N, C-alpha and C. Protein backbone atom coordinates (compact mmCIF):
# COMPACT_ATOMS: atom_id res chain seq x y z
N MET A 1 -81.13 -56.29 29.84
CA MET A 1 -80.46 -56.99 31.00
C MET A 1 -79.43 -56.00 31.51
N ARG A 2 -79.47 -55.89 32.83
CA ARG A 2 -78.53 -54.87 33.39
C ARG A 2 -77.25 -55.51 33.79
N PHE A 3 -76.10 -55.11 33.37
CA PHE A 3 -74.87 -55.51 33.64
C PHE A 3 -74.10 -54.65 34.55
N GLY A 4 -73.54 -55.22 35.65
CA GLY A 4 -72.66 -54.43 36.52
C GLY A 4 -71.49 -54.09 35.98
N MET A 5 -70.86 -53.00 36.56
CA MET A 5 -69.63 -52.48 35.86
C MET A 5 -68.46 -53.38 36.32
N GLY A 6 -67.59 -53.62 35.30
CA GLY A 6 -66.39 -54.40 35.51
C GLY A 6 -66.50 -55.91 35.69
N TYR A 7 -67.64 -56.47 35.11
CA TYR A 7 -67.76 -57.92 35.26
C TYR A 7 -67.33 -58.62 33.95
N GLY A 8 -66.78 -58.06 33.12
CA GLY A 8 -66.19 -58.70 31.83
C GLY A 8 -67.24 -58.90 30.88
N ALA A 9 -66.72 -59.60 29.77
CA ALA A 9 -67.70 -59.82 28.63
C ALA A 9 -68.25 -61.16 28.91
N TRP A 10 -69.68 -61.23 28.50
CA TRP A 10 -70.37 -62.42 28.59
C TRP A 10 -70.73 -62.89 27.19
N THR A 11 -70.43 -64.23 26.98
CA THR A 11 -70.75 -64.77 25.75
C THR A 11 -71.51 -66.03 25.95
N GLY A 12 -72.90 -66.13 25.53
CA GLY A 12 -73.59 -67.37 25.70
C GLY A 12 -73.74 -67.72 27.25
N GLY A 13 -73.70 -66.71 27.99
CA GLY A 13 -73.90 -66.87 29.42
C GLY A 13 -72.60 -67.15 30.21
N LEU A 14 -71.47 -67.29 29.58
CA LEU A 14 -70.20 -67.53 30.06
C LEU A 14 -69.28 -66.43 30.08
N ARG A 15 -68.84 -65.99 31.25
CA ARG A 15 -67.98 -64.79 31.36
C ARG A 15 -66.67 -65.20 30.61
N ALA A 16 -66.11 -64.22 29.92
CA ALA A 16 -64.98 -64.58 29.11
C ALA A 16 -63.62 -64.16 29.69
N ASP A 17 -63.66 -63.61 30.91
CA ASP A 17 -62.42 -63.06 31.46
C ASP A 17 -61.72 -63.94 32.43
N GLY A 18 -62.24 -65.12 32.76
CA GLY A 18 -61.61 -66.10 33.60
C GLY A 18 -61.91 -65.65 34.99
N GLU A 19 -62.99 -65.96 35.47
CA GLU A 19 -63.46 -65.45 36.83
C GLU A 19 -62.64 -65.45 37.88
N GLY A 20 -62.36 -64.35 38.60
CA GLY A 20 -61.67 -64.20 39.78
C GLY A 20 -60.21 -64.32 39.79
N ARG A 21 -59.50 -64.07 38.71
CA ARG A 21 -58.00 -64.29 38.58
C ARG A 21 -57.39 -63.46 39.67
N GLY A 22 -56.35 -64.03 40.26
CA GLY A 22 -55.71 -63.33 41.25
C GLY A 22 -56.18 -63.17 42.57
N ARG A 23 -57.33 -63.87 42.81
CA ARG A 23 -57.91 -63.72 44.19
C ARG A 23 -57.61 -64.93 45.05
N GLY A 24 -56.91 -65.85 44.61
CA GLY A 24 -56.61 -67.00 45.48
C GLY A 24 -57.54 -68.10 45.17
N SER A 25 -58.43 -68.42 46.12
CA SER A 25 -59.35 -69.48 46.08
C SER A 25 -60.53 -69.18 44.86
N HIS A 26 -60.61 -69.99 43.86
CA HIS A 26 -61.63 -69.78 42.99
C HIS A 26 -62.87 -70.50 43.19
N GLU A 27 -62.77 -71.87 43.33
CA GLU A 27 -63.91 -72.63 43.22
C GLU A 27 -64.53 -73.22 44.44
N GLY A 28 -63.74 -74.13 45.18
CA GLY A 28 -64.36 -74.70 46.39
C GLY A 28 -63.66 -75.97 46.67
N HIS A 29 -64.24 -77.01 47.07
CA HIS A 29 -63.43 -78.18 47.48
C HIS A 29 -64.30 -79.37 47.25
N GLY A 30 -63.53 -80.47 47.46
CA GLY A 30 -64.28 -81.81 47.36
C GLY A 30 -63.46 -82.84 47.64
N ARG A 31 -63.94 -84.10 47.94
CA ARG A 31 -63.11 -85.20 48.20
C ARG A 31 -62.43 -85.84 47.04
N HIS A 32 -62.87 -85.42 45.83
CA HIS A 32 -62.32 -86.14 44.75
C HIS A 32 -61.52 -85.20 43.87
N GLY A 33 -60.89 -84.23 44.44
CA GLY A 33 -59.91 -83.41 43.78
C GLY A 33 -60.43 -82.26 42.95
N TYR A 34 -61.77 -81.92 43.08
CA TYR A 34 -62.21 -80.72 42.42
C TYR A 34 -62.12 -79.63 43.44
N GLY A 35 -61.51 -78.56 42.85
CA GLY A 35 -61.24 -77.43 43.92
C GLY A 35 -60.80 -76.23 43.21
N HIS A 36 -60.00 -75.46 43.97
CA HIS A 36 -59.65 -74.05 43.56
C HIS A 36 -58.24 -74.03 42.80
N ARG A 37 -57.64 -74.95 42.79
CA ARG A 37 -56.13 -74.80 42.14
C ARG A 37 -56.29 -75.56 40.82
N GLY A 38 -55.77 -74.75 39.78
CA GLY A 38 -55.67 -75.32 38.54
C GLY A 38 -54.30 -75.60 38.16
N GLY A 39 -54.16 -76.22 37.01
CA GLY A 39 -52.75 -76.33 36.44
C GLY A 39 -52.03 -77.64 37.04
N PRO A 40 -50.75 -77.93 36.54
CA PRO A 40 -50.13 -79.17 36.91
C PRO A 40 -49.82 -79.24 38.50
N GLY A 41 -50.15 -80.26 38.96
CA GLY A 41 -49.90 -80.54 40.45
C GLY A 41 -51.02 -79.92 41.32
N GLY A 42 -52.15 -79.29 40.77
CA GLY A 42 -53.06 -78.71 41.46
C GLY A 42 -54.39 -79.44 41.27
N ARG A 43 -55.36 -79.14 41.93
CA ARG A 43 -56.67 -79.78 41.79
C ARG A 43 -57.42 -79.10 40.66
N ARG A 44 -58.00 -79.84 39.81
CA ARG A 44 -58.70 -79.48 38.67
C ARG A 44 -59.94 -78.70 39.07
N ARG A 45 -60.37 -77.64 38.44
CA ARG A 45 -61.58 -76.87 38.66
C ARG A 45 -62.78 -77.56 38.09
N LEU A 46 -63.85 -77.62 38.75
CA LEU A 46 -65.04 -78.29 38.25
C LEU A 46 -65.73 -77.28 37.17
N PHE A 47 -65.77 -76.03 37.49
CA PHE A 47 -66.33 -74.91 36.72
C PHE A 47 -65.30 -73.87 36.37
N ASP A 48 -65.49 -73.29 35.21
CA ASP A 48 -64.68 -72.13 34.78
C ASP A 48 -65.59 -70.99 34.44
N GLY A 49 -65.05 -69.78 34.48
CA GLY A 49 -65.65 -68.56 33.98
C GLY A 49 -67.02 -68.46 34.67
N GLY A 50 -68.02 -68.39 33.75
CA GLY A 50 -69.36 -68.08 34.33
C GLY A 50 -70.29 -69.27 34.54
N GLU A 51 -69.62 -70.46 34.56
CA GLU A 51 -70.38 -71.78 34.60
C GLU A 51 -71.09 -71.85 35.95
N LEU A 52 -70.35 -71.55 36.92
CA LEU A 52 -70.94 -71.63 38.36
C LEU A 52 -72.14 -70.74 38.49
N LYS A 53 -72.02 -69.58 37.79
CA LYS A 53 -73.14 -68.61 37.85
C LYS A 53 -74.39 -69.22 37.36
N LEU A 54 -74.26 -69.92 36.13
CA LEU A 54 -75.34 -70.52 35.60
C LEU A 54 -76.01 -71.64 36.43
N VAL A 55 -75.11 -72.36 37.00
CA VAL A 55 -75.60 -73.40 37.94
C VAL A 55 -76.50 -72.80 39.09
N MET A 56 -75.87 -71.86 39.68
CA MET A 56 -76.56 -71.19 40.85
C MET A 56 -77.85 -70.56 40.33
N LEU A 57 -77.85 -69.90 39.18
CA LEU A 57 -79.04 -69.27 38.68
C LEU A 57 -80.23 -70.30 38.40
N LYS A 58 -79.77 -71.50 37.84
CA LYS A 58 -80.72 -72.53 37.61
C LYS A 58 -81.29 -73.12 38.90
N LEU A 59 -80.51 -73.20 39.93
CA LEU A 59 -81.07 -73.68 41.25
C LEU A 59 -81.91 -72.70 41.88
N ILE A 60 -81.61 -71.45 41.63
CA ILE A 60 -82.41 -70.38 42.23
C ILE A 60 -83.76 -70.29 41.46
N ALA A 61 -83.85 -70.55 40.14
CA ALA A 61 -84.93 -70.48 39.39
C ALA A 61 -85.91 -71.68 39.75
N ASP A 62 -85.19 -72.89 40.15
CA ASP A 62 -86.14 -73.96 40.60
C ASP A 62 -86.77 -73.73 41.85
N ALA A 63 -86.24 -72.99 42.78
CA ALA A 63 -86.66 -72.64 44.12
C ALA A 63 -85.89 -71.56 44.75
N PRO A 64 -86.58 -70.61 45.31
CA PRO A 64 -85.72 -69.52 46.04
C PRO A 64 -84.81 -70.06 47.14
N ARG A 65 -83.61 -69.63 47.14
CA ARG A 65 -82.56 -70.09 47.98
C ARG A 65 -81.59 -68.96 48.48
N HIS A 66 -81.00 -69.33 49.64
CA HIS A 66 -79.99 -68.47 50.04
C HIS A 66 -78.60 -69.07 49.85
N GLY A 67 -77.43 -68.53 50.21
CA GLY A 67 -76.22 -69.01 49.88
C GLY A 67 -75.95 -70.37 50.42
N TYR A 68 -76.22 -70.63 51.68
CA TYR A 68 -76.00 -72.00 52.24
C TYR A 68 -76.81 -73.05 51.52
N ASP A 69 -78.04 -72.75 51.11
CA ASP A 69 -78.90 -73.70 50.48
C ASP A 69 -78.21 -74.15 49.12
N LEU A 70 -77.54 -73.17 48.46
CA LEU A 70 -76.83 -73.46 47.19
C LEU A 70 -75.71 -74.36 47.34
N ILE A 71 -74.86 -74.05 48.47
CA ILE A 71 -73.79 -74.87 48.73
C ILE A 71 -74.10 -76.25 48.98
N ARG A 72 -75.21 -76.45 49.87
CA ARG A 72 -75.66 -77.75 50.32
C ARG A 72 -76.36 -78.53 49.08
N GLU A 73 -76.97 -77.75 48.18
CA GLU A 73 -77.74 -78.42 47.06
C GLU A 73 -76.66 -78.89 46.13
N ILE A 74 -75.55 -78.05 45.72
CA ILE A 74 -74.59 -78.48 44.85
C ILE A 74 -73.81 -79.68 45.43
N GLU A 75 -73.51 -79.65 46.71
CA GLU A 75 -72.81 -80.85 47.33
C GLU A 75 -73.73 -82.04 47.28
N GLY A 76 -74.92 -81.92 47.41
CA GLY A 76 -75.80 -83.05 47.20
C GLY A 76 -75.86 -83.65 45.95
N LEU A 77 -75.84 -82.80 44.85
CA LEU A 77 -75.99 -83.26 43.52
C LEU A 77 -74.80 -84.06 43.12
N THR A 78 -73.59 -83.73 43.81
CA THR A 78 -72.32 -84.45 43.43
C THR A 78 -72.12 -85.63 44.48
N GLY A 79 -73.05 -85.89 45.41
CA GLY A 79 -72.66 -86.95 46.34
C GLY A 79 -71.59 -86.58 47.36
N GLY A 80 -71.43 -85.26 47.60
CA GLY A 80 -70.43 -84.82 48.47
C GLY A 80 -69.08 -84.74 47.81
N GLY A 81 -69.00 -84.89 46.52
CA GLY A 81 -67.79 -84.84 45.87
C GLY A 81 -67.26 -83.37 45.57
N TYR A 82 -68.19 -82.39 45.61
CA TYR A 82 -67.77 -81.05 45.23
C TYR A 82 -68.86 -80.10 46.02
N ALA A 83 -68.25 -79.06 46.54
CA ALA A 83 -69.05 -78.00 47.09
C ALA A 83 -68.24 -76.69 46.87
N PRO A 84 -69.00 -75.78 46.41
CA PRO A 84 -68.34 -74.38 46.07
C PRO A 84 -68.14 -73.73 47.44
N SER A 85 -67.08 -73.01 47.57
CA SER A 85 -66.82 -72.27 48.92
C SER A 85 -67.76 -71.02 49.12
N PRO A 86 -67.87 -70.69 50.28
CA PRO A 86 -68.69 -69.48 50.48
C PRO A 86 -67.97 -68.22 49.88
N GLY A 87 -66.67 -68.25 49.89
CA GLY A 87 -66.01 -67.12 49.24
C GLY A 87 -66.24 -66.96 47.79
N VAL A 88 -66.81 -68.00 47.17
CA VAL A 88 -67.19 -67.81 45.77
C VAL A 88 -68.59 -67.65 45.66
N VAL A 89 -69.42 -68.42 46.41
CA VAL A 89 -70.90 -68.39 46.30
C VAL A 89 -71.58 -66.95 46.57
N TYR A 90 -71.07 -66.37 47.67
CA TYR A 90 -71.77 -65.10 48.04
C TYR A 90 -71.43 -63.89 47.11
N PRO A 91 -70.11 -63.78 46.66
CA PRO A 91 -69.95 -62.81 45.72
C PRO A 91 -70.65 -63.01 44.37
N THR A 92 -70.80 -64.32 44.05
CA THR A 92 -71.42 -64.63 42.80
C THR A 92 -73.01 -64.30 43.02
N LEU A 93 -73.51 -64.55 44.09
CA LEU A 93 -74.95 -64.20 44.30
C LEU A 93 -75.06 -62.51 44.27
N SER A 94 -74.17 -61.75 44.75
CA SER A 94 -74.19 -60.36 44.59
C SER A 94 -74.12 -59.98 43.11
N MET A 95 -73.24 -60.71 42.37
CA MET A 95 -73.04 -60.33 40.96
C MET A 95 -74.40 -60.57 40.18
N LEU A 96 -74.89 -61.68 40.47
CA LEU A 96 -76.23 -62.00 39.90
C LEU A 96 -77.31 -61.04 40.12
N ASP A 97 -77.35 -60.57 41.44
CA ASP A 97 -78.25 -59.60 41.87
C ASP A 97 -78.02 -58.29 41.04
N GLU A 98 -76.84 -57.89 41.02
CA GLU A 98 -76.52 -56.66 40.34
C GLU A 98 -76.84 -56.58 38.83
N MET A 99 -76.66 -57.80 38.28
CA MET A 99 -77.08 -58.05 36.88
C MET A 99 -78.45 -58.10 36.61
N GLY A 100 -79.31 -58.10 37.62
CA GLY A 100 -80.69 -58.29 37.53
C GLY A 100 -81.21 -59.65 37.19
N LEU A 101 -80.42 -60.69 37.32
CA LEU A 101 -80.82 -62.07 37.09
C LEU A 101 -81.56 -62.67 38.24
N ILE A 102 -81.34 -62.17 39.38
CA ILE A 102 -82.03 -62.68 40.63
C ILE A 102 -82.47 -61.53 41.41
N GLU A 103 -83.48 -61.79 42.30
CA GLU A 103 -84.07 -60.75 43.10
C GLU A 103 -84.18 -61.16 44.58
N GLU A 104 -83.77 -60.26 45.55
CA GLU A 104 -83.93 -60.70 46.87
C GLU A 104 -85.27 -60.72 47.22
N GLN A 105 -85.69 -61.75 48.03
CA GLN A 105 -86.99 -61.98 48.65
C GLN A 105 -87.05 -61.70 50.15
N GLN A 106 -88.06 -61.28 50.57
CA GLN A 106 -88.18 -61.14 52.13
C GLN A 106 -88.20 -62.55 52.73
N SER A 107 -87.29 -62.71 53.76
CA SER A 107 -87.17 -63.82 54.42
C SER A 107 -87.06 -63.64 55.94
N GLU A 108 -87.28 -64.64 56.67
CA GLU A 108 -87.00 -64.42 58.19
C GLU A 108 -85.62 -64.71 58.48
N GLY A 109 -85.08 -63.98 59.44
CA GLY A 109 -83.75 -64.15 59.83
C GLY A 109 -82.84 -63.34 59.02
N ALA A 110 -81.44 -63.46 59.17
CA ALA A 110 -80.48 -62.56 58.49
C ALA A 110 -80.12 -63.09 57.20
N LYS A 111 -80.44 -64.39 56.81
CA LYS A 111 -79.98 -64.83 55.53
C LYS A 111 -80.76 -64.31 54.33
N LYS A 112 -80.19 -63.81 53.36
CA LYS A 112 -80.69 -63.23 52.18
C LYS A 112 -81.16 -64.41 51.34
N ARG A 113 -82.43 -64.46 51.04
CA ARG A 113 -82.89 -65.54 49.94
C ARG A 113 -83.28 -64.90 48.67
N PHE A 114 -82.96 -65.50 47.57
CA PHE A 114 -83.13 -65.03 46.29
C PHE A 114 -84.04 -65.83 45.38
N ALA A 115 -84.72 -65.23 44.49
CA ALA A 115 -85.47 -65.85 43.39
C ALA A 115 -85.08 -65.39 42.05
N ALA A 116 -85.19 -66.17 40.92
CA ALA A 116 -84.89 -65.71 39.72
C ALA A 116 -85.87 -64.65 39.17
N SER A 117 -85.32 -63.69 38.43
CA SER A 117 -86.13 -62.66 37.96
C SER A 117 -86.57 -63.05 36.59
N ASP A 118 -87.39 -62.40 35.85
CA ASP A 118 -87.92 -62.64 34.49
C ASP A 118 -86.55 -62.70 33.66
N GLU A 119 -85.69 -61.67 33.82
CA GLU A 119 -84.50 -61.64 33.09
C GLU A 119 -83.59 -62.77 33.29
N GLY A 120 -83.59 -63.35 34.58
CA GLY A 120 -82.80 -64.58 34.84
C GLY A 120 -83.29 -65.76 34.09
N ARG A 121 -84.68 -65.91 34.10
CA ARG A 121 -85.24 -67.08 33.54
C ARG A 121 -85.09 -66.95 32.01
N ALA A 122 -85.15 -65.71 31.42
CA ALA A 122 -84.93 -65.68 29.99
C ALA A 122 -83.44 -65.99 29.64
N HIS A 123 -82.39 -65.65 30.49
CA HIS A 123 -81.08 -65.91 30.46
C HIS A 123 -80.88 -67.41 30.40
N LEU A 124 -81.49 -68.23 31.28
CA LEU A 124 -81.38 -69.52 31.35
C LEU A 124 -81.97 -70.23 30.16
N ALA A 125 -83.04 -69.68 29.69
CA ALA A 125 -83.67 -70.29 28.38
C ALA A 125 -82.82 -70.07 27.20
N GLU A 126 -82.10 -69.03 27.14
CA GLU A 126 -81.11 -68.67 26.00
C GLU A 126 -79.84 -69.68 26.17
N ASN A 127 -79.57 -70.26 27.33
CA ASN A 127 -78.44 -71.03 27.58
C ASN A 127 -78.84 -72.32 28.00
N ALA A 128 -80.03 -72.84 27.47
CA ALA A 128 -80.40 -74.15 28.13
C ALA A 128 -79.52 -75.32 27.84
N ALA A 129 -78.87 -75.36 26.63
CA ALA A 129 -77.94 -76.42 26.32
C ALA A 129 -76.71 -76.34 27.17
N VAL A 130 -76.11 -75.20 27.52
CA VAL A 130 -75.04 -75.09 28.39
C VAL A 130 -75.41 -75.56 29.74
N VAL A 131 -76.51 -75.10 30.17
CA VAL A 131 -76.93 -75.54 31.58
C VAL A 131 -77.19 -77.07 31.76
N ASP A 132 -77.74 -77.62 30.77
CA ASP A 132 -77.93 -79.03 30.73
C ASP A 132 -76.61 -79.83 30.71
N GLY A 133 -75.61 -79.25 30.12
CA GLY A 133 -74.23 -79.82 30.15
C GLY A 133 -73.63 -79.59 31.41
N LEU A 134 -73.80 -78.59 32.13
CA LEU A 134 -73.28 -78.31 33.48
C LEU A 134 -73.85 -79.25 34.56
N PHE A 135 -75.08 -79.44 34.42
CA PHE A 135 -75.88 -80.39 35.46
C PHE A 135 -75.51 -81.84 35.06
N ALA A 136 -75.13 -82.03 33.82
CA ALA A 136 -74.75 -83.47 33.51
C ALA A 136 -73.26 -83.83 34.19
N ARG A 137 -72.45 -82.61 34.19
CA ARG A 137 -71.16 -82.75 34.70
C ARG A 137 -71.26 -82.98 36.31
N LEU A 138 -72.36 -82.27 36.94
CA LEU A 138 -72.51 -82.50 38.36
C LEU A 138 -72.89 -83.87 38.61
N ALA A 139 -73.63 -84.38 37.75
CA ALA A 139 -74.28 -85.85 37.98
C ALA A 139 -73.00 -86.86 37.74
N ALA A 140 -72.06 -86.49 36.81
CA ALA A 140 -70.98 -87.48 36.62
C ALA A 140 -70.09 -87.48 37.91
N VAL A 141 -69.93 -86.34 38.49
CA VAL A 141 -69.18 -86.11 39.73
C VAL A 141 -69.79 -87.03 40.81
N GLY A 142 -71.27 -86.91 40.91
CA GLY A 142 -71.91 -87.64 41.87
C GLY A 142 -71.79 -89.08 41.67
N ALA A 143 -71.76 -89.57 40.33
CA ALA A 143 -71.58 -91.02 40.04
C ALA A 143 -70.19 -91.45 40.34
N GLU A 144 -69.24 -90.59 40.15
CA GLU A 144 -67.81 -90.98 40.48
C GLU A 144 -67.67 -91.09 42.05
N SER A 145 -68.31 -90.08 42.73
CA SER A 145 -68.32 -90.18 44.16
C SER A 145 -68.82 -91.47 44.74
N GLU A 146 -69.96 -91.82 44.18
CA GLU A 146 -70.72 -93.08 44.67
C GLU A 146 -69.82 -94.32 44.27
N ARG A 147 -69.18 -94.22 43.15
CA ARG A 147 -68.42 -95.44 42.83
C ARG A 147 -67.13 -95.49 43.54
N THR A 148 -66.52 -94.42 43.90
CA THR A 148 -65.13 -94.52 44.57
C THR A 148 -65.33 -94.33 46.12
N ASP A 149 -66.30 -94.15 46.65
CA ASP A 149 -66.35 -93.71 48.05
C ASP A 149 -67.30 -94.61 48.76
N GLY A 150 -67.27 -95.90 48.52
CA GLY A 150 -68.25 -96.78 49.18
C GLY A 150 -67.84 -97.13 50.57
N ALA A 151 -68.68 -97.58 51.49
CA ALA A 151 -68.63 -97.91 52.86
C ALA A 151 -67.39 -98.73 53.03
N PRO A 152 -67.16 -99.92 52.43
CA PRO A 152 -65.95 -100.69 52.70
C PRO A 152 -64.74 -99.95 52.58
N ILE A 153 -64.61 -99.14 51.47
CA ILE A 153 -63.28 -98.39 51.27
C ILE A 153 -63.14 -97.33 52.41
N ARG A 154 -64.15 -96.72 52.84
CA ARG A 154 -64.10 -95.64 53.94
C ARG A 154 -63.68 -96.45 55.25
N ARG A 155 -64.33 -97.59 55.39
CA ARG A 155 -63.90 -98.30 56.72
C ARG A 155 -62.35 -98.72 56.75
N ALA A 156 -61.93 -99.21 55.55
CA ALA A 156 -60.60 -99.67 55.33
C ALA A 156 -59.59 -98.49 55.59
N MET A 157 -59.94 -97.24 54.92
CA MET A 157 -59.03 -96.16 54.93
C MET A 157 -59.01 -95.55 56.40
N GLY A 158 -60.22 -95.64 57.18
CA GLY A 158 -60.19 -95.18 58.53
C GLY A 158 -59.17 -96.21 59.28
N ASN A 159 -59.41 -97.50 59.09
CA ASN A 159 -58.74 -98.39 59.82
C ASN A 159 -57.04 -98.25 59.59
N LEU A 160 -56.76 -98.05 58.31
CA LEU A 160 -55.40 -97.73 57.99
C LEU A 160 -54.80 -96.49 58.69
N ARG A 161 -55.62 -95.48 58.66
CA ARG A 161 -55.25 -94.09 59.19
C ARG A 161 -54.92 -94.36 60.80
N GLN A 162 -55.81 -94.96 61.49
CA GLN A 162 -55.59 -95.31 62.88
C GLN A 162 -54.50 -96.15 63.24
N VAL A 163 -54.22 -97.17 62.36
CA VAL A 163 -52.97 -97.98 62.59
C VAL A 163 -51.74 -97.31 62.39
N LEU A 164 -51.76 -96.40 61.35
CA LEU A 164 -50.50 -95.56 61.06
C LEU A 164 -50.24 -94.70 62.23
N GLN A 165 -51.17 -94.04 62.56
CA GLN A 165 -51.10 -93.00 63.71
C GLN A 165 -50.61 -93.54 64.94
N HIS A 166 -51.23 -94.83 65.22
CA HIS A 166 -50.82 -95.59 66.47
C HIS A 166 -49.34 -96.03 66.41
N ARG A 167 -49.07 -96.60 65.21
CA ARG A 167 -47.67 -97.23 65.11
C ARG A 167 -46.61 -96.21 65.00
N LEU A 168 -46.88 -95.03 64.26
CA LEU A 168 -45.84 -94.17 64.01
C LEU A 168 -45.59 -93.29 65.15
N MET A 169 -46.51 -93.22 66.11
CA MET A 169 -46.37 -92.17 67.21
C MET A 169 -45.64 -92.80 68.41
N ARG A 170 -45.30 -94.21 68.32
CA ARG A 170 -44.57 -94.82 69.25
C ARG A 170 -43.17 -94.30 69.36
N GLU A 171 -42.62 -94.40 70.71
CA GLU A 171 -41.40 -93.77 70.78
C GLU A 171 -40.20 -94.63 70.14
N ASP A 172 -40.48 -95.99 69.84
CA ASP A 172 -39.52 -96.80 69.31
C ASP A 172 -39.38 -96.78 67.83
N VAL A 173 -40.13 -95.94 67.25
CA VAL A 173 -40.16 -95.86 65.70
C VAL A 173 -38.85 -95.30 65.28
N ASN A 174 -38.25 -95.99 64.26
CA ASN A 174 -36.95 -95.54 63.76
C ASN A 174 -37.01 -95.57 62.13
N GLU A 175 -36.01 -95.19 61.62
CA GLU A 175 -36.06 -95.09 60.17
C GLU A 175 -36.30 -96.31 59.42
N ASP A 176 -35.85 -97.36 59.89
CA ASP A 176 -36.05 -98.64 59.25
C ASP A 176 -37.56 -99.03 59.20
N THR A 177 -38.19 -98.70 60.33
CA THR A 177 -39.62 -98.96 60.42
C THR A 177 -40.46 -98.03 59.49
N LEU A 178 -39.96 -96.80 59.39
CA LEU A 178 -40.72 -95.93 58.39
C LEU A 178 -40.56 -96.36 57.03
N HIS A 179 -39.32 -96.93 56.58
CA HIS A 179 -39.12 -97.38 55.29
C HIS A 179 -39.94 -98.78 55.08
N GLU A 180 -40.06 -99.52 56.12
CA GLU A 180 -40.89 -100.80 55.98
C GLU A 180 -42.38 -100.40 55.74
N VAL A 181 -42.85 -99.50 56.59
CA VAL A 181 -44.28 -99.02 56.40
C VAL A 181 -44.53 -98.42 54.94
N ALA A 182 -43.64 -97.59 54.50
CA ALA A 182 -43.60 -97.00 53.28
C ALA A 182 -43.65 -98.01 52.00
N ALA A 183 -42.78 -99.16 52.29
CA ALA A 183 -42.74 -100.18 51.27
C ALA A 183 -44.10 -100.93 51.24
N LEU A 184 -44.68 -101.26 52.45
CA LEU A 184 -46.02 -101.87 52.41
C LEU A 184 -46.95 -101.08 51.75
N LEU A 185 -47.09 -99.84 52.06
CA LEU A 185 -48.04 -98.97 51.35
C LEU A 185 -47.84 -98.96 49.77
N ASP A 186 -46.55 -98.90 49.40
CA ASP A 186 -46.27 -98.82 47.99
C ASP A 186 -46.72 -100.21 47.39
N GLU A 187 -46.46 -101.24 47.95
CA GLU A 187 -46.99 -102.46 47.56
C GLU A 187 -48.46 -102.71 47.46
N ALA A 188 -49.16 -102.13 48.36
CA ALA A 188 -50.60 -102.20 48.31
C ALA A 188 -51.12 -101.22 47.25
N ALA A 189 -50.51 -100.15 47.04
CA ALA A 189 -50.87 -99.26 45.93
C ALA A 189 -50.64 -99.82 44.69
N GLN A 190 -49.55 -100.67 44.44
CA GLN A 190 -49.24 -101.28 43.08
C GLN A 190 -50.31 -102.46 42.86
N LYS A 191 -50.65 -103.13 43.90
CA LYS A 191 -51.67 -104.25 43.76
C LYS A 191 -53.12 -103.70 43.43
N ILE A 192 -53.33 -102.55 44.07
CA ILE A 192 -54.70 -101.99 43.58
C ILE A 192 -54.65 -101.49 42.17
N GLU A 193 -53.39 -100.86 41.86
CA GLU A 193 -53.41 -100.38 40.41
C GLU A 193 -53.53 -101.42 39.49
N ARG A 194 -53.07 -102.70 39.73
CA ARG A 194 -53.20 -103.85 38.76
C ARG A 194 -54.50 -104.57 38.74
N LEU A 195 -55.37 -104.14 39.70
CA LEU A 195 -56.69 -104.87 39.75
C LEU A 195 -57.44 -104.64 38.35
N LYS A 196 -58.23 -105.61 38.02
CA LYS A 196 -58.92 -105.47 36.81
C LYS A 196 -60.42 -105.36 37.07
């Protein structure tokens, strides 16, 4: 297996050096709080270290893909709950290519399409249990997205957003009105929290 220079130690397919420290955006985004910021007060990361690399490698092994295909496929697997950012996907593709785990295929247009190499398939086989766990995590995010993002909730949230924008942009809005609106929202939140 060919390893590119400076990519850190890999153990069981997972990079040990904490992928991309100090580069700002690590992971991506999603409606349900999965994203690039970790730690208290930030969004939790769906994947750490080399985990996204394994997910991408498995999807490429299933069918040749380019970067946009990967973003769309992962977003689909999570029901729209998570999508890695292009700023993570494309450098990861380059890394997998330099490691010899994927190979560029001829394709029409400017988009580079990749297929898994024999080394890549062997790497997936060695890490099959880890890969299964990662795809189970994606499925769990998809189930959460389906459970918490139903059409009635989306409609009600959209209605609330419109009402708030309309009411709070009026010229006669004063501090008392703002406090009343905040109290109503707090009351609704408390009632939802107490639902069984």
